[in-house]
Amino acid sequence: MSLKDLGYKPRRNSRRIILDDTLRVKLIEARAALKRELNRKDRGLTNDAEQRVEDAEAAAEEAAVSFVCEALPRHKLAELIVDCPPTSAQLNKWKEEDRNNPLLVIPAPEFDYDKFPPRLIAASLVEPETTEAEVLEMWETGEWSDAIWDELWKLAWNETNKGVTTLPTSGIGSAKTRASDPASPTQ
């Protein structure tokens, strides 16, 4: 078997996002009302509050969509970063912050924070299916709030592409060794 024959399954992460903010707010309010009821000494209304939470959860679940991102191969991620260099304004802001905070090490921006996120989301998103053009159009002119884009950004960057995708296997086995088994005689 050669190195090229070894299979690799890239990291996938998903997040359900409620796309109807009214239902999201109703769910938060219903949970808060239930919590208040549970904290009261007289819990006569708890059943009603529990039912409101169940109803709000069911409605929110119906309005939620699962977004699935898959990690990009390192060369594709590197190309995407190179295609989205930080702007001179972003670099100047970093230099100013770095100069004003001599005790803090502030890393230089890796990419243009206005250009890179939607492109990474588009490149990583496998469900629902989309194109880069569609994501860019929605990013620029769509109706989604920053809260939704922030969740998709965290999913695509922090949880899927930025994190370590491998673990060393030495020492992870479940078999006991003589040194770690307290029942084994010492030498």
C-alpha atoms as a PDB file:
ATOM      1  CA  MET A   1       0.000   0.000   0.000  1.00  0.00           C
ATOM      2  CA  SER A   2       1.348   3.414  -0.887  1.00  0.00           C
ATOM      3  CA  LEU A   3       0.785   6.713   0.892  1.00  0.00           C
ATOM      4  CA  LYS A   4      -1.678   7.806  -1.803  1.00  0.00           C
ATOM      5  CA  ASP A   5      -3.799   4.710  -1.105  1.00  0.00           C
ATOM      6  CA  LEU A   6      -4.455   5.712   2.477  1.00  0.00           C
ATOM      7  CA  GLY A   7      -7.946   7.125   2.856  1.00  0.00           C
ATOM      8  CA  TYR A   8      -8.721  10.272   4.759  1.00  0.00           C
ATOM      9  CA  LYS A   9     -12.137  11.426   5.833  1.00  0.00           C
ATOM     10  CA  PRO A  10     -12.143  15.191   6.471  1.00  0.00           C
ATOM     11  CA  ARG A  11     -13.686  16.695   9.569  1.00  0.00           C
ATOM     12  CA  ARG A  12     -17.388  17.500   9.350  1.00  0.00           C
ATOM     13  CA  ASN A  13     -19.351  19.584  11.797  1.00  0.00           C
ATOM     14  CA  SER A  14     -22.951  20.673  11.803  1.00  0.00           C
ATOM     15  CA  ARG A  15     -25.149  23.225  13.488  1.00  0.00           C
ATOM     16  CA  ARG A  16     -28.895  23.702  13.504  1.00  0.00           C
ATOM     17  CA  ILE A  17     -29.895  27.327  13.148  1.00  0.00           C
ATOM     18  CA  ILE A  18     -33.412  28.642  13.678  1.00  0.00           C
ATOM     19  CA  LEU A  19     -34.130  30.830  10.665  1.00  0.00           C
ATOM     20  CA  ASP A  20     -37.288  32.416  12.134  1.00  0.00           C
ATOM     21  CA  ASP A  21     -36.127  34.855  14.798  1.00  0.00           C
ATOM     22  CA  THR A  22     -39.642  35.311  16.177  1.00  0.00           C
ATOM     23  CA  LEU A  23     -39.756  31.603  17.020  1.00  0.00           C
ATOM     24  CA  ARG A  24     -36.259  31.757  18.528  1.00  0.00           C
ATOM     25  CA  VAL A  25     -37.324  34.630  20.811  1.00  0.00           C
ATOM     26  CA  LYS A  26     -40.535  32.807  21.812  1.00  0.00           C
ATOM     27  CA  LEU A  27     -38.470  29.765  22.771  1.00  0.00           C
ATOM     28  CA  ILE A  28     -36.128  31.870  24.916  1.00  0.00           C
ATOM     29  CA  GLU A  29     -39.094  33.577  26.591  1.00  0.00           C
ATOM     30  CA  ALA A  30     -40.884  30.264  27.221  1.00  0.00           C
ATOM     31  CA  ARG A  31     -37.766  28.762  28.820  1.00  0.00           C
ATOM     32  CA  ALA A  32     -37.318  31.864  30.992  1.00  0.00           C
ATOM     33  CA  ALA A  33     -40.962  31.701  32.112  1.00  0.00           C
ATOM     34  CA  LEU A  34     -40.580  28.030  33.021  1.00  0.00           C
ATOM     35  CA  LYS A  35     -37.440  28.805  35.002  1.00  0.00           C
ATOM     36  CA  ARG A  36     -39.275  31.546  36.905  1.00  0.00           C
ATOM     37  CA  GLU A  37     -42.129  29.121  37.651  1.00  0.00           C
ATOM     38  CA  LEU A  38     -39.730  26.447  38.875  1.00  0.00           C
ATOM     39  CA  ASN A  39     -38.063  28.976  41.200  1.00  0.00           C
ATOM     40  CA  ARG A  40     -41.389  29.987  42.787  1.00  0.00           C
ATOM     41  CA  LYS A  41     -42.588  28.228  45.902  1.00  0.00           C
ATOM     42  CA  ASP A  42     -46.098  27.791  44.472  1.00  0.00           C
ATOM     43  CA  ARG A  43     -45.609  25.790  41.285  1.00  0.00           C
ATOM     44  CA  GLY A  44     -49.220  25.697  40.140  1.00  0.00           C
ATOM     45  CA  LEU A  45     -48.487  26.992  36.631  1.00  0.00           C
ATOM     46  CA  THR A  46     -45.493  24.741  35.906  1.00  0.00           C
ATOM     47  CA  ASN A  47     -47.474  22.394  33.640  1.00  0.00           C
ATOM     48  CA  ASP A  48     -48.645  25.312  31.477  1.00  0.00           C
ATOM     49  CA  ALA A  49     -45.111  26.699  31.306  1.00  0.00           C
ATOM     50  CA  GLU A  50     -43.713  23.262  30.414  1.00  0.00           C
ATOM     51  CA  GLN A  51     -46.282  22.945  27.616  1.00  0.00           C
ATOM     52  CA  ARG A  52     -45.360  26.396  26.280  1.00  0.00           C
ATOM     53  CA  VAL A  53     -41.699  25.326  26.182  1.00  0.00           C
ATOM     54  CA  GLU A  54     -42.589  22.094  24.379  1.00  0.00           C
ATOM     55  CA  ASP A  55     -44.703  23.995  21.836  1.00  0.00           C
ATOM     56  CA  ALA A  56     -41.993  26.626  21.312  1.00  0.00           C
ATOM     57  CA  GLU A  57     -39.326  23.929  20.910  1.00  0.00           C
ATOM     58  CA  ALA A  58     -41.435  22.094  18.330  1.00  0.00           C
ATOM     59  CA  ALA A  59     -42.040  25.280  16.336  1.00  0.00           C
ATOM     60  CA  ALA A  60     -38.366  26.274  16.521  1.00  0.00           C
ATOM     61  CA  GLU A  61     -37.261  22.786  15.469  1.00  0.00           C
ATOM     62  CA  GLU A  62     -39.527  22.984  12.432  1.00  0.00           C
ATOM     63  CA  ALA A  63     -37.974  26.330  11.449  1.00  0.00           C
ATOM     64  CA  ALA A  64     -34.390  25.183  12.057  1.00  0.00           C
ATOM     65  CA  VAL A  65     -32.028  24.142   9.280  1.00  0.00           C
ATOM     66  CA  SER A  66     -28.976  21.910   9.623  1.00  0.00           C
ATOM     67  CA  PHE A  67     -25.820  23.382   8.146  1.00  0.00           C
ATOM     68  CA  VAL A  68     -22.943  20.955   7.557  1.00  0.00           C
ATOM     69  CA  CYS A  69     -19.383  22.085   6.847  1.00  0.00           C
ATOM     70  CA  GLU A  70     -16.480  19.925   5.748  1.00  0.00           C
ATOM     71  CA  ALA A  71     -12.816  20.804   6.279  1.00  0.00           C
ATOM     72  CA  LEU A  72     -10.984  21.951   3.174  1.00  0.00           C
ATOM     73  CA  PRO A  73      -7.704  20.362   2.127  1.00  0.00           C
ATOM     74  CA  ARG A  74      -4.829  22.500   3.444  1.00  0.00           C
ATOM     75  CA  HIS A  75      -3.755  23.686  -0.008  1.00  0.00           C
ATOM     76  CA  LYS A  76      -7.291  24.886  -0.827  1.00  0.00           C
ATOM     77  CA  LEU A  77      -7.540  26.698   2.491  1.00  0.00           C
ATOM     78  CA  ALA A  78      -4.123  28.306   1.893  1.00  0.00           C
ATOM     79  CA  GLU A  79      -5.215  29.424  -1.600  1.00  0.00           C
ATOM     80  CA  LEU A  80      -8.387  30.939  -0.180  1.00  0.00           C
ATOM     81  CA  ILE A  81      -6.388  32.865   2.443  1.00  0.00           C
ATOM     82  CA  VAL A  82      -3.942  34.112  -0.226  1.00  0.00           C
ATOM     83  CA  ASP A  83      -6.909  35.251  -2.361  1.00  0.00           C
ATOM     84  CA  CYS A  84      -8.255  37.319   0.552  1.00  0.00           C
ATOM     85  CA  PRO A  85      -5.288  39.304   1.938  1.00  0.00           C
ATOM     86  CA  PRO A  86      -5.945  41.814   4.714  1.00  0.00           C
ATOM     87  CA  THR A  87      -6.676  45.327   3.485  1.00  0.00           C
ATOM     88  CA  SER A  88      -4.299  48.186   4.149  1.00  0.00           C
ATOM     89  CA  ALA A  89      -6.914  49.649   6.519  1.00  0.00           C
ATOM     90  CA  GLN A  90      -7.003  46.384   8.503  1.00  0.00           C
ATOM     91  CA  LEU A  91      -3.193  46.283   8.634  1.00  0.00           C
ATOM     92  CA  ASN A  92      -3.006  49.936   9.729  1.00  0.00           C
ATOM     93  CA  LYS A  93      -5.578  49.289  12.458  1.00  0.00           C
ATOM     94  CA  TRP A  94      -3.526  46.292  13.642  1.00  0.00           C
ATOM     95  CA  LYS A  95      -0.317  48.364  13.678  1.00  0.00           C
ATOM     96  CA  GLU A  96      -2.048  51.067  15.716  1.00  0.00           C
ATOM     97  CA  GLU A  97      -3.471  48.539  18.206  1.00  0.00           C
ATOM     98  CA  ASP A  98      -0.092  46.828  18.471  1.00  0.00           C
ATOM     99  CA  ARG A  99       1.644  50.160  19.116  1.00  0.00           C
ATOM    100  CA  ASN A 100      -0.930  51.176  21.738  1.00  0.00           C
ATOM    101  CA  ASN A 101      -0.683  47.863  23.609  1.00  0.00           C
ATOM    102  CA  PRO A 102       3.041  47.174  24.050  1.00  0.00           C
ATOM    103  CA  LEU A 103       2.420  44.470  26.658  1.00  0.00           C
ATOM    104  CA  LEU A 104       0.065  42.480  24.432  1.00  0.00           C
ATOM    105  CA  VAL A 105       1.146  40.454  21.444  1.00  0.00           C
ATOM    106  CA  ILE A 106      -1.521  41.084  18.845  1.00  0.00           C
ATOM    107  CA  PRO A 107      -1.114  38.879  15.785  1.00  0.00           C
ATOM    108  CA  ALA A 108      -1.364  40.479  12.363  1.00  0.00           C
ATOM    109  CA  PRO A 109      -4.602  39.779  10.504  1.00  0.00           C
ATOM    110  CA  GLU A 110      -4.323  36.645   8.363  1.00  0.00           C
ATOM    111  CA  PHE A 111      -6.951  37.682   5.846  1.00  0.00           C
ATOM    112  CA  ASP A 112      -9.551  40.282   4.911  1.00  0.00           C
ATOM    113  CA  TYR A 113     -12.275  39.833   7.507  1.00  0.00           C
ATOM    114  CA  ASP A 114     -14.913  41.172   5.104  1.00  0.00           C
ATOM    115  CA  LYS A 115     -13.938  39.020   2.120  1.00  0.00           C
ATOM    116  CA  PHE A 116     -12.701  35.717   3.593  1.00  0.00           C
ATOM    117  CA  PRO A 117     -15.634  34.555   5.812  1.00  0.00           C
ATOM    118  CA  PRO A 118     -18.311  34.229   3.113  1.00  0.00           C
ATOM    119  CA  ARG A 119     -15.848  32.517   0.765  1.00  0.00           C
ATOM    120  CA  LEU A 120     -14.814  30.042   3.458  1.00  0.00           C
ATOM    121  CA  ILE A 121     -18.449  29.354   4.349  1.00  0.00           C
ATOM    122  CA  ALA A 122     -19.241  28.747   0.671  1.00  0.00           C
ATOM    123  CA  ALA A 123     -16.219  26.489   0.154  1.00  0.00           C
ATOM    124  CA  SER A 124     -16.878  24.463   3.333  1.00  0.00           C
ATOM    125  CA  LEU A 125     -20.663  24.155   3.235  1.00  0.00           C
ATOM    126  CA  VAL A 126     -21.839  20.758   1.998  1.00  0.00           C
ATOM    127  CA  GLU A 127     -25.421  20.972   3.294  1.00  0.00           C
ATOM    128  CA  PRO A 128     -27.491  22.715   2.137  1.00  0.00           C
ATOM    129  CA  GLU A 129     -25.909  22.757  -1.287  1.00  0.00           C
ATOM    130  CA  THR A 130     -24.808  26.167  -2.486  1.00  0.00           C
ATOM    131  CA  THR A 131     -22.378  28.024  -4.693  1.00  0.00           C
ATOM    132  CA  GLU A 132     -19.878  30.733  -3.865  1.00  0.00           C
ATOM    133  CA  ALA A 133     -21.886  33.197  -5.964  1.00  0.00           C
ATOM    134  CA  GLU A 134     -25.051  32.445  -3.990  1.00  0.00           C
ATOM    135  CA  VAL A 135     -23.326  32.858  -0.613  1.00  0.00           C
ATOM    136  CA  LEU A 136     -21.624  36.093  -1.699  1.00  0.00           C
ATOM    137  CA  GLU A 137     -24.918  37.525  -2.925  1.00  0.00           C
ATOM    138  CA  MET A 138     -26.651  36.611   0.349  1.00  0.00           C
ATOM    139  CA  TRP A 139     -23.701  38.006   2.345  1.00  0.00           C
ATOM    140  CA  GLU A 140     -23.882  41.342   0.509  1.00  0.00           C
ATOM    141  CA  THR A 141     -27.606  41.822  -0.061  1.00  0.00           C
ATOM    142  CA  GLY A 142     -29.458  39.050   1.769  1.00  0.00           C
ATOM    143  CA  GLU A 143     -31.797  39.314   4.697  1.00  0.00           C
ATOM    144  CA  TRP A 144     -29.877  37.138   7.143  1.00  0.00           C
ATOM    145  CA  SER A 145     -28.694  38.845  10.305  1.00  0.00           C
ATOM    146  CA  ASP A 146     -25.116  39.042  11.497  1.00  0.00           C
ATOM    147  CA  ALA A 147     -26.060  36.503  14.182  1.00  0.00           C
ATOM    148  CA  ILE A 148     -26.709  33.827  11.544  1.00  0.00           C
ATOM    149  CA  TRP A 149     -23.517  34.665   9.647  1.00  0.00           C
ATOM    150  CA  ASP A 150     -21.564  34.592  12.908  1.00  0.00           C
ATOM    151  CA  GLU A 151     -22.837  31.076  13.623  1.00  0.00           C
ATOM    152  CA  LEU A 152     -21.914  29.914  10.121  1.00  0.00           C
ATOM    153  CA  TRP A 153     -18.476  31.554  10.424  1.00  0.00           C
ATOM    154  CA  LYS A 154     -17.819  29.821  13.767  1.00  0.00           C
ATOM    155  CA  LEU A 155     -18.915  26.520  12.257  1.00  0.00           C
ATOM    156  CA  ALA A 156     -16.784  26.872   9.112  1.00  0.00           C
ATOM    157  CA  TRP A 157     -13.650  28.410  10.667  1.00  0.00           C
ATOM    158  CA  ASN A 158     -13.369  27.614  14.380  1.00  0.00           C
ATOM    159  CA  GLU A 159     -14.960  24.192  14.433  1.00  0.00           C
ATOM    160  CA  THR A 160     -14.183  22.777  11.003  1.00  0.00           C
ATOM    161  CA  ASN A 161     -11.155  24.327   9.290  1.00  0.00           C
ATOM    162  CA  LYS A 162      -9.046  25.983  11.971  1.00  0.00           C
ATOM    163  CA  GLY A 163      -8.956  23.236  14.590  1.00  0.00           C
ATOM    164  CA  VAL A 164      -6.506  20.388  14.777  1.00  0.00           C
ATOM    165  CA  THR A 165      -7.829  17.542  12.671  1.00  0.00           C
ATOM    166  CA  THR A 166      -5.583  14.722  13.814  1.00  0.00           C
ATOM    167  CA  LEU A 167      -4.600  13.136  17.079  1.00  0.00           C
ATOM    168  CA  PRO A 168      -1.462  11.124  17.639  1.00  0.00           C
ATOM    169  CA  THR A 169      -2.220   7.471  18.137  1.00  0.00           C
ATOM    170  CA  SER A 170       0.727   6.431  20.262  1.00  0.00           C
ATOM    171  CA  GLY A 171      -0.393   5.847  23.813  1.00  0.00           C
ATOM    172  CA  ILE A 172      -4.111   6.130  23.047  1.00  0.00           C
ATOM    173  CA  GLY A 173      -4.750   2.373  22.933  1.00  0.00           C
ATOM    174  CA  SER A 174      -7.031   0.874  25.562  1.00  0.00           C
ATOM    175  CA  ALA A 175      -4.765  -2.041  26.489  1.00  0.00           C
ATOM    176  CA  LYS A 176      -3.023  -1.744  29.850  1.00  0.00           C
ATOM    177  CA  THR A 177       0.735  -1.702  29.903  1.00  0.00           C
ATOM    178  CA  ARG A 178       2.821  -3.117  32.719  1.00  0.00           C
ATOM    179  CA  ALA A 179       3.703   0.386  33.876  1.00  0.00           C
ATOM    180  CA  SER A 180       0.081   1.605  33.977  1.00  0.00           C
ATOM    181  CA  ASP A 181      -1.556  -1.522  35.399  1.00  0.00           C
ATOM    182  CA  PRO A 182      -1.547  -1.266  39.199  1.00  0.00           C
ATOM    183  CA  ALA A 183      -2.033  -5.054  39.431  1.00  0.00           C
ATOM    184  CA  SER A 184       1.159  -5.806  37.545  1.00  0.00           C
ATOM    185  CA  PRO A 185       4.262  -6.509  39.597  1.00  0.00           C
ATOM    186  CA  THR A 186       6.850  -3.780  39.645  1.00  0.00           C
ATOM    187  CA  GLN A 187      10.280  -4.485  38.350  1.00  0.00           C
END
